[in-house]
Structures are given as structure tokens and as C-alpha cells.
Amino acid sequence: MADKPQARKRNAYPHFLPIPTRWMDNDVYGHVNNVVYYSYFDTVVNGYLIDRGVLDAERSQTIGLVVQTQCDYFAPLAFPQQVDAGLRVAKLGSSSVRYEIGLFAAGAETPAAQGHFVHVYVDRDTRRPAALPEPLRAALALLVD
């Protein structure tokens, strides 16, 4: 069995987005279902990119495709809690980015879950890897650990 993952504290993440949980996020066990955590990952990453003006989902010529995801769970979250989604960039390549996300109960110092996903940026039409456009690279550089 792999070593137990170490939870990163709140101060490891330079950007946060508050995300309200929804009634439908809970499963029959009374907590947020594991698949919903990945939706929170998408929300904090794409929200950051849209807010910085470096992602136009309908028109950007360079788009990010998820090629890897992973999540470790430490404690449950449940409706009606607010989730503070922390975001950082662990690796910024020429055409790929490894985002790391911590999901915290509002105000908590230790995450309820943390994980990552990797975007490979590609040309929208050809789906071939493409260099990160400079405005995107600059926005992501602000999150590099």
C-alpha cells in the first residue's frame, strides 16, 4: 500500500473560491458524494481561468483537456456546508499544467480532500498539443508553488 498522503494546509494555496454545497451533492450516506469533488476541482480551475480572461470556453483556440485526475479524502463534507476550494499550480510545462486543489470546510486549516488534475493544452481544431498562450502562462505563473 502507498504511503498515506500528507494534507497541505490552507496557506499552501494562493487562490481560493468559495463554493456552496447543494442538497443534491449529498449521497445516501449523508455526505458529499466522491464524484462531486471532481466537479469542485473543475469549478475552481475554470473559474480562475475565466476570471483572468484566459479562457473563453466557446472561442479559445487553445483548450485544456484533462488527462489525469486523483483525489485523497480526509474528512466528509455535507450540505449545507460551504467549500473553500484552494488552487495552486505544481507544474507548468510548455503545453501542460498540473493543478493541485484543496477542498476545505469553510474556515478550516486542513482540507477535507485534496487532489490534482493535469490539463494538456491542445489546438481546438486539430486536438494536437499546443504551447500555452502567453496570457494563460502568465495567469498560471501566479499560482506556481
N, C-alpha and C. Protein backbone atom coordinates (compact mmCIF):
# COMPACT_ATOMS: atom_id res chain seq x y z
N MET A 1 0.84 -1.18 0.00
CA MET A 1 0.00 0.00 0.00
C MET A 1 0.89 1.25 0.00
N ALA A 2 0.45 2.27 -0.70
CA ALA A 2 1.20 3.52 -0.81
C ALA A 2 1.21 4.26 0.52
N ASP A 3 2.21 5.12 0.68
CA ASP A 3 2.27 5.96 1.87
C ASP A 3 1.02 6.82 1.97
N LYS A 4 0.63 7.08 3.21
CA LYS A 4 -0.54 7.94 3.44
C LYS A 4 -0.23 9.35 2.94
N PRO A 5 -1.12 9.93 2.14
CA PRO A 5 -0.87 11.29 1.64
C PRO A 5 -0.86 12.31 2.77
N GLN A 6 -0.02 13.32 2.61
CA GLN A 6 0.06 14.39 3.59
C GLN A 6 -0.84 15.55 3.15
N ALA A 7 -1.72 15.95 4.02
CA ALA A 7 -2.64 17.06 3.72
C ALA A 7 -1.87 18.37 3.76
N ARG A 8 -2.09 19.20 2.72
CA ARG A 8 -1.50 20.54 2.67
C ARG A 8 -2.42 21.52 3.38
N LYS A 9 -1.88 22.34 4.21
CA LYS A 9 -2.66 23.35 4.93
C LYS A 9 -3.15 24.44 3.97
N ARG A 10 -4.08 25.20 4.45
CA ARG A 10 -4.70 26.28 3.68
C ARG A 10 -3.67 27.24 3.07
N ASN A 11 -2.61 27.55 3.80
CA ASN A 11 -1.65 28.53 3.31
C ASN A 11 -0.81 28.03 2.13
N ALA A 12 -0.97 26.77 1.73
CA ALA A 12 -0.26 26.23 0.55
C ALA A 12 -0.93 26.65 -0.76
N TYR A 13 -2.11 27.24 -0.67
CA TYR A 13 -2.89 27.56 -1.86
C TYR A 13 -3.01 29.08 -2.01
N PRO A 14 -2.52 29.63 -3.13
CA PRO A 14 -2.57 31.09 -3.30
C PRO A 14 -3.92 31.64 -3.75
N HIS A 15 -4.83 30.78 -4.22
CA HIS A 15 -6.13 31.26 -4.71
C HIS A 15 -7.24 30.41 -4.10
N PHE A 16 -8.32 31.08 -3.72
CA PHE A 16 -9.48 30.38 -3.16
C PHE A 16 -10.77 30.83 -3.83
N LEU A 17 -11.69 29.89 -3.94
CA LEU A 17 -13.03 30.16 -4.44
C LEU A 17 -14.02 29.51 -3.48
N PRO A 18 -14.94 30.28 -2.88
CA PRO A 18 -15.98 29.66 -2.06
C PRO A 18 -17.03 29.00 -2.96
N ILE A 19 -17.38 27.77 -2.64
CA ILE A 19 -18.37 27.01 -3.41
C ILE A 19 -19.43 26.50 -2.45
N PRO A 20 -20.68 26.92 -2.62
CA PRO A 20 -21.73 26.37 -1.75
C PRO A 20 -22.06 24.93 -2.16
N THR A 21 -22.20 24.07 -1.16
CA THR A 21 -22.69 22.73 -1.48
C THR A 21 -24.18 22.83 -1.79
N ARG A 22 -24.68 21.83 -2.48
CA ARG A 22 -26.10 21.78 -2.83
C ARG A 22 -26.71 20.52 -2.22
N TRP A 23 -27.99 20.55 -2.00
CA TRP A 23 -28.70 19.40 -1.46
C TRP A 23 -28.39 18.14 -2.27
N MET A 24 -28.37 18.29 -3.60
CA MET A 24 -28.16 17.11 -4.46
C MET A 24 -26.72 16.61 -4.44
N ASP A 25 -25.78 17.36 -3.83
CA ASP A 25 -24.40 16.89 -3.73
C ASP A 25 -24.27 15.73 -2.73
N ASN A 26 -25.16 15.69 -1.75
CA ASN A 26 -25.12 14.63 -0.74
C ASN A 26 -25.58 13.31 -1.33
N ASP A 27 -25.00 12.23 -0.81
CA ASP A 27 -25.46 10.90 -1.22
C ASP A 27 -26.28 10.28 -0.08
N VAL A 28 -26.63 9.04 -0.23
CA VAL A 28 -27.48 8.39 0.77
C VAL A 28 -26.79 8.22 2.12
N TYR A 29 -25.47 8.42 2.15
CA TYR A 29 -24.74 8.31 3.41
C TYR A 29 -24.66 9.63 4.16
N GLY A 30 -25.26 10.69 3.59
CA GLY A 30 -25.35 11.97 4.27
C GLY A 30 -24.16 12.89 4.09
N HIS A 31 -23.31 12.60 3.11
CA HIS A 31 -22.18 13.49 2.84
C HIS A 31 -22.03 13.66 1.33
N VAL A 32 -21.21 14.64 0.95
CA VAL A 32 -20.99 14.90 -0.47
C VAL A 32 -20.40 13.66 -1.11
N ASN A 33 -21.01 13.23 -2.21
CA ASN A 33 -20.55 12.05 -2.92
C ASN A 33 -19.20 12.30 -3.56
N ASN A 34 -18.37 11.27 -3.61
CA ASN A 34 -16.99 11.43 -4.09
C ASN A 34 -16.90 12.01 -5.50
N VAL A 35 -17.83 11.71 -6.38
CA VAL A 35 -17.72 12.23 -7.75
C VAL A 35 -17.92 13.74 -7.80
N VAL A 36 -18.60 14.31 -6.82
CA VAL A 36 -18.86 15.75 -6.81
C VAL A 36 -17.57 16.54 -6.55
N TYR A 37 -16.64 15.94 -5.85
CA TYR A 37 -15.38 16.61 -5.57
C TYR A 37 -14.68 17.02 -6.87
N TYR A 38 -14.76 16.17 -7.88
CA TYR A 38 -14.15 16.50 -9.17
C TYR A 38 -14.84 17.68 -9.84
N SER A 39 -16.12 17.83 -9.61
CA SER A 39 -16.85 18.99 -10.11
C SER A 39 -16.33 20.26 -9.43
N TYR A 40 -16.04 20.18 -8.13
CA TYR A 40 -15.47 21.32 -7.43
C TYR A 40 -14.08 21.65 -8.00
N PHE A 41 -13.30 20.62 -8.33
CA PHE A 41 -11.99 20.85 -8.97
C PHE A 41 -12.16 21.66 -10.24
N ASP A 42 -13.06 21.19 -11.12
CA ASP A 42 -13.31 21.91 -12.38
C ASP A 42 -13.76 23.34 -12.14
N THR A 43 -14.61 23.53 -11.14
CA THR A 43 -15.16 24.85 -10.85
C THR A 43 -14.07 25.84 -10.45
N VAL A 44 -13.18 25.44 -9.56
CA VAL A 44 -12.14 26.38 -9.11
C VAL A 44 -11.13 26.65 -10.23
N VAL A 45 -10.74 25.64 -10.99
CA VAL A 45 -9.76 25.86 -12.06
C VAL A 45 -10.34 26.71 -13.17
N ASN A 46 -11.47 26.30 -13.71
CA ASN A 46 -12.04 27.03 -14.85
C ASN A 46 -12.56 28.40 -14.43
N GLY A 47 -13.06 28.53 -13.21
CA GLY A 47 -13.46 29.85 -12.71
C GLY A 47 -12.27 30.80 -12.66
N TYR A 48 -11.13 30.30 -12.19
CA TYR A 48 -9.91 31.12 -12.15
C TYR A 48 -9.53 31.57 -13.56
N LEU A 49 -9.51 30.65 -14.51
CA LEU A 49 -9.09 30.97 -15.88
C LEU A 49 -10.06 31.95 -16.55
N ILE A 50 -11.34 31.78 -16.33
CA ILE A 50 -12.34 32.69 -16.91
C ILE A 50 -12.22 34.07 -16.28
N ASP A 51 -12.08 34.11 -14.94
CA ASP A 51 -11.95 35.40 -14.25
C ASP A 51 -10.72 36.18 -14.70
N ARG A 52 -9.66 35.48 -15.08
CA ARG A 52 -8.43 36.13 -15.54
C ARG A 52 -8.47 36.45 -17.04
N GLY A 53 -9.57 36.08 -17.71
CA GLY A 53 -9.72 36.38 -19.13
C GLY A 53 -8.87 35.52 -20.05
N VAL A 54 -8.44 34.35 -19.56
CA VAL A 54 -7.58 33.50 -20.39
C VAL A 54 -8.28 32.23 -20.88
N LEU A 55 -9.59 32.12 -20.60
CA LEU A 55 -10.37 31.01 -21.12
C LEU A 55 -11.72 31.53 -21.59
N ASP A 56 -11.98 31.31 -22.85
CA ASP A 56 -13.31 31.54 -23.42
C ASP A 56 -13.73 30.18 -23.94
N ALA A 57 -14.59 29.49 -23.20
CA ALA A 57 -14.93 28.10 -23.49
C ALA A 57 -15.46 27.90 -24.91
N GLU A 58 -16.06 28.91 -25.48
CA GLU A 58 -16.63 28.77 -26.82
C GLU A 58 -15.67 29.17 -27.93
N ARG A 59 -14.69 30.05 -27.63
CA ARG A 59 -13.87 30.59 -28.72
C ARG A 59 -12.36 30.44 -28.56
N SER A 60 -11.87 30.09 -27.40
CA SER A 60 -10.41 29.96 -27.23
C SER A 60 -9.87 28.94 -28.22
N GLN A 61 -8.80 29.30 -28.92
CA GLN A 61 -8.21 28.38 -29.89
C GLN A 61 -7.42 27.28 -29.19
N THR A 62 -6.87 27.59 -28.02
CA THR A 62 -6.14 26.60 -27.23
C THR A 62 -7.01 26.22 -26.04
N ILE A 63 -7.27 24.93 -25.89
CA ILE A 63 -8.14 24.44 -24.82
C ILE A 63 -7.42 23.37 -24.00
N GLY A 64 -7.82 23.24 -22.75
CA GLY A 64 -7.21 22.24 -21.87
C GLY A 64 -8.07 20.99 -21.80
N LEU A 65 -7.45 19.85 -22.02
CA LEU A 65 -8.12 18.55 -21.88
C LEU A 65 -7.53 17.83 -20.68
N VAL A 66 -8.39 17.31 -19.83
CA VAL A 66 -7.93 16.60 -18.64
C VAL A 66 -7.41 15.22 -19.06
N VAL A 67 -6.17 14.91 -18.64
CA VAL A 67 -5.59 13.61 -18.96
C VAL A 67 -5.30 12.78 -17.71
N GLN A 68 -5.40 13.40 -16.52
CA GLN A 68 -5.16 12.66 -15.29
C GLN A 68 -5.86 13.36 -14.14
N THR A 69 -6.46 12.56 -13.26
CA THR A 69 -7.06 13.11 -12.04
C THR A 69 -6.77 12.18 -10.87
N GLN A 70 -6.83 12.74 -9.69
CA GLN A 70 -6.61 11.96 -8.47
C GLN A 70 -7.14 12.76 -7.30
N CYS A 71 -7.69 12.08 -6.30
CA CYS A 71 -8.20 12.77 -5.12
C CYS A 71 -7.99 11.89 -3.88
N ASP A 72 -7.55 12.52 -2.79
CA ASP A 72 -7.46 11.87 -1.49
C ASP A 72 -8.49 12.51 -0.58
N TYR A 73 -9.19 11.68 0.18
CA TYR A 73 -10.26 12.15 1.05
C TYR A 73 -9.83 12.00 2.51
N PHE A 74 -9.99 13.08 3.28
CA PHE A 74 -9.58 13.07 4.67
C PHE A 74 -10.75 13.18 5.64
N ALA A 75 -11.79 13.92 5.26
CA ALA A 75 -12.95 14.13 6.14
C ALA A 75 -14.16 14.42 5.26
N PRO A 76 -15.35 14.12 5.74
CA PRO A 76 -16.54 14.37 4.91
C PRO A 76 -16.91 15.85 4.85
N LEU A 77 -17.54 16.20 3.76
CA LEU A 77 -18.23 17.48 3.59
C LEU A 77 -19.70 17.15 3.37
N ALA A 78 -20.58 18.06 3.74
CA ALA A 78 -22.01 17.79 3.58
C ALA A 78 -22.78 19.10 3.41
N PHE A 79 -23.88 19.02 2.67
CA PHE A 79 -24.80 20.14 2.57
C PHE A 79 -25.32 20.42 3.96
N PRO A 80 -25.37 21.65 4.40
CA PRO A 80 -25.25 22.92 3.69
C PRO A 80 -23.90 23.61 3.88
N GLN A 81 -22.82 22.86 4.10
CA GLN A 81 -21.51 23.49 4.27
C GLN A 81 -21.08 24.26 3.03
N GLN A 82 -20.26 25.27 3.26
CA GLN A 82 -19.57 25.93 2.15
C GLN A 82 -18.21 25.27 2.02
N VAL A 83 -17.76 25.09 0.78
CA VAL A 83 -16.43 24.56 0.50
C VAL A 83 -15.55 25.72 0.06
N ASP A 84 -14.38 25.85 0.65
CA ASP A 84 -13.36 26.78 0.18
C ASP A 84 -12.40 25.97 -0.67
N ALA A 85 -12.44 26.19 -1.97
CA ALA A 85 -11.59 25.44 -2.90
C ALA A 85 -10.30 26.21 -3.13
N GLY A 86 -9.18 25.64 -2.68
CA GLY A 86 -7.87 26.25 -2.86
C GLY A 86 -7.22 25.72 -4.12
N LEU A 87 -6.47 26.59 -4.81
CA LEU A 87 -5.86 26.23 -6.08
C LEU A 87 -4.40 26.66 -6.11
N ARG A 88 -3.57 25.78 -6.63
CA ARG A 88 -2.17 26.08 -6.88
C ARG A 88 -1.72 25.32 -8.12
N VAL A 89 -0.61 25.73 -8.71
CA VAL A 89 -0.03 25.04 -9.86
C VAL A 89 1.27 24.41 -9.40
N ALA A 90 1.35 23.09 -9.51
CA ALA A 90 2.55 22.37 -9.09
C ALA A 90 3.56 22.24 -10.22
N LYS A 91 3.08 22.19 -11.46
CA LYS A 91 3.99 22.08 -12.60
C LYS A 91 3.40 22.82 -13.78
N LEU A 92 4.20 23.68 -14.35
CA LEU A 92 3.80 24.46 -15.52
C LEU A 92 4.75 24.09 -16.66
N GLY A 93 4.26 23.27 -17.58
CA GLY A 93 5.07 22.83 -18.71
C GLY A 93 4.85 23.70 -19.93
N SER A 94 5.35 23.25 -21.07
CA SER A 94 5.18 24.02 -22.30
C SER A 94 3.76 23.89 -22.85
N SER A 95 3.14 22.71 -22.65
CA SER A 95 1.76 22.52 -23.13
C SER A 95 0.89 21.83 -22.09
N SER A 96 1.38 21.70 -20.86
CA SER A 96 0.58 21.03 -19.83
C SER A 96 0.73 21.74 -18.49
N VAL A 97 -0.26 21.49 -17.63
CA VAL A 97 -0.30 22.10 -16.30
C VAL A 97 -0.80 21.06 -15.32
N ARG A 98 -0.14 20.96 -14.19
CA ARG A 98 -0.65 20.14 -13.08
C ARG A 98 -1.22 21.09 -12.04
N TYR A 99 -2.54 21.07 -11.92
CA TYR A 99 -3.25 21.85 -10.92
C TYR A 99 -3.38 21.00 -9.66
N GLU A 100 -3.21 21.62 -8.51
CA GLU A 100 -3.48 20.94 -7.25
C GLU A 100 -4.55 21.73 -6.52
N ILE A 101 -5.50 20.99 -5.96
CA ILE A 101 -6.68 21.59 -5.35
C ILE A 101 -6.85 21.05 -3.94
N GLY A 102 -7.15 21.92 -3.01
CA GLY A 102 -7.53 21.53 -1.66
C GLY A 102 -8.95 21.97 -1.42
N LEU A 103 -9.77 21.07 -0.92
CA LEU A 103 -11.17 21.39 -0.61
C LEU A 103 -11.33 21.43 0.91
N PHE A 104 -11.63 22.62 1.42
CA PHE A 104 -11.71 22.86 2.85
C PHE A 104 -13.14 23.19 3.26
N ALA A 105 -13.57 22.68 4.41
CA ALA A 105 -14.79 23.20 5.00
C ALA A 105 -14.49 24.67 5.31
N ALA A 106 -15.47 25.54 5.17
CA ALA A 106 -15.27 26.98 5.35
C ALA A 106 -14.48 27.25 6.63
N GLY A 107 -13.35 27.95 6.48
CA GLY A 107 -12.54 28.35 7.61
C GLY A 107 -11.58 27.31 8.14
N ALA A 108 -11.67 26.06 7.72
CA ALA A 108 -10.80 25.00 8.22
C ALA A 108 -9.37 25.18 7.70
N GLU A 109 -8.40 24.79 8.48
CA GLU A 109 -6.99 24.87 8.08
C GLU A 109 -6.52 23.61 7.35
N THR A 110 -7.18 22.49 7.60
CA THR A 110 -6.82 21.22 6.99
C THR A 110 -7.90 20.83 5.99
N PRO A 111 -7.52 20.34 4.82
CA PRO A 111 -8.53 20.03 3.80
C PRO A 111 -9.34 18.78 4.13
N ALA A 112 -10.57 18.79 3.67
CA ALA A 112 -11.40 17.59 3.72
C ALA A 112 -10.96 16.64 2.60
N ALA A 113 -10.44 17.21 1.53
CA ALA A 113 -9.94 16.42 0.40
C ALA A 113 -8.91 17.27 -0.34
N GLN A 114 -8.02 16.60 -1.02
CA GLN A 114 -7.08 17.29 -1.90
C GLN A 114 -6.76 16.38 -3.06
N GLY A 115 -6.43 16.99 -4.16
CA GLY A 115 -6.10 16.19 -5.33
C GLY A 115 -5.49 17.03 -6.40
N HIS A 116 -5.45 16.46 -7.58
CA HIS A 116 -4.87 17.18 -8.71
C HIS A 116 -5.55 16.76 -9.99
N PHE A 117 -5.38 17.57 -11.00
CA PHE A 117 -5.62 17.12 -12.35
C PHE A 117 -4.66 17.80 -13.29
N VAL A 118 -4.40 17.13 -14.38
CA VAL A 118 -3.46 17.61 -15.38
C VAL A 118 -4.24 17.96 -16.63
N HIS A 119 -4.03 19.18 -17.09
CA HIS A 119 -4.55 19.63 -18.38
C HIS A 119 -3.42 19.55 -19.38
N VAL A 120 -3.68 18.96 -20.54
CA VAL A 120 -2.80 19.12 -21.69
C VAL A 120 -3.53 20.09 -22.60
N TYR A 121 -2.85 21.15 -22.94
CA TYR A 121 -3.45 22.17 -23.80
C TYR A 121 -3.22 21.79 -25.26
N VAL A 122 -4.31 21.88 -26.01
CA VAL A 122 -4.31 21.46 -27.41
C VAL A 122 -4.98 22.52 -28.27
N ASP A 123 -4.70 22.44 -29.57
CA ASP A 123 -5.41 23.26 -30.54
C ASP A 123 -6.85 22.75 -30.63
N ARG A 124 -7.81 23.65 -30.54
CA ARG A 124 -9.22 23.28 -30.55
C ARG A 124 -9.59 22.43 -31.77
N ASP A 125 -9.05 22.78 -32.94
CA ASP A 125 -9.44 22.09 -34.18
C ASP A 125 -8.71 20.78 -34.39
N THR A 126 -7.40 20.78 -34.19
CA THR A 126 -6.60 19.58 -34.50
C THR A 126 -6.48 18.63 -33.32
N ARG A 127 -6.72 19.13 -32.12
CA ARG A 127 -6.55 18.37 -30.88
C ARG A 127 -5.11 17.90 -30.67
N ARG A 128 -4.18 18.59 -31.27
CA ARG A 128 -2.75 18.32 -31.09
C ARG A 128 -2.22 19.27 -30.00
N PRO A 129 -1.25 18.81 -29.21
CA PRO A 129 -0.69 19.68 -28.16
C PRO A 129 -0.26 21.03 -28.73
N ALA A 130 -0.51 22.06 -27.95
CA ALA A 130 -0.18 23.43 -28.35
C ALA A 130 0.51 24.12 -27.18
N ALA A 131 1.43 24.99 -27.50
CA ALA A 131 2.11 25.77 -26.46
C ALA A 131 1.09 26.63 -25.72
N LEU A 132 1.31 26.79 -24.44
CA LEU A 132 0.43 27.65 -23.65
C LEU A 132 0.54 29.07 -24.17
N PRO A 133 -0.58 29.71 -24.49
CA PRO A 133 -0.52 31.13 -24.89
C PRO A 133 0.06 31.96 -23.74
N GLU A 134 0.79 33.00 -24.07
CA GLU A 134 1.48 33.79 -23.05
C GLU A 134 0.55 34.35 -21.97
N PRO A 135 -0.64 34.87 -22.31
CA PRO A 135 -1.53 35.35 -21.24
C PRO A 135 -1.94 34.23 -20.27
N LEU A 136 -2.17 33.04 -20.79
CA LEU A 136 -2.51 31.89 -19.95
C LEU A 136 -1.32 31.54 -19.06
N ARG A 137 -0.13 31.47 -19.63
CA ARG A 137 1.07 31.15 -18.86
C ARG A 137 1.27 32.17 -17.74
N ALA A 138 1.07 33.44 -18.03
CA ALA A 138 1.25 34.48 -17.02
C ALA A 138 0.24 34.33 -15.88
N ALA A 139 -1.01 34.02 -16.22
CA ALA A 139 -2.04 33.82 -15.18
C ALA A 139 -1.71 32.61 -14.31
N LEU A 140 -1.22 31.54 -14.93
CA LEU A 140 -0.90 30.33 -14.19
C LEU A 140 0.37 30.51 -13.35
N ALA A 141 1.30 31.31 -13.83
CA ALA A 141 2.54 31.53 -13.09
C ALA A 141 2.27 32.13 -11.71
N LEU A 142 1.18 32.87 -11.57
CA LEU A 142 0.82 33.45 -10.26
C LEU A 142 0.47 32.38 -9.23
N LEU A 143 0.17 31.16 -9.69
CA LEU A 143 -0.24 30.08 -8.80
C LEU A 143 0.86 29.05 -8.56
N VAL A 144 2.02 29.27 -9.18
CA VAL A 144 3.09 28.28 -9.06
C VAL A 144 3.65 28.32 -7.65
N ASP A 145 3.78 27.17 -7.10
CA ASP A 145 4.28 26.99 -5.73
C ASP A 145 5.75 27.35 -5.70
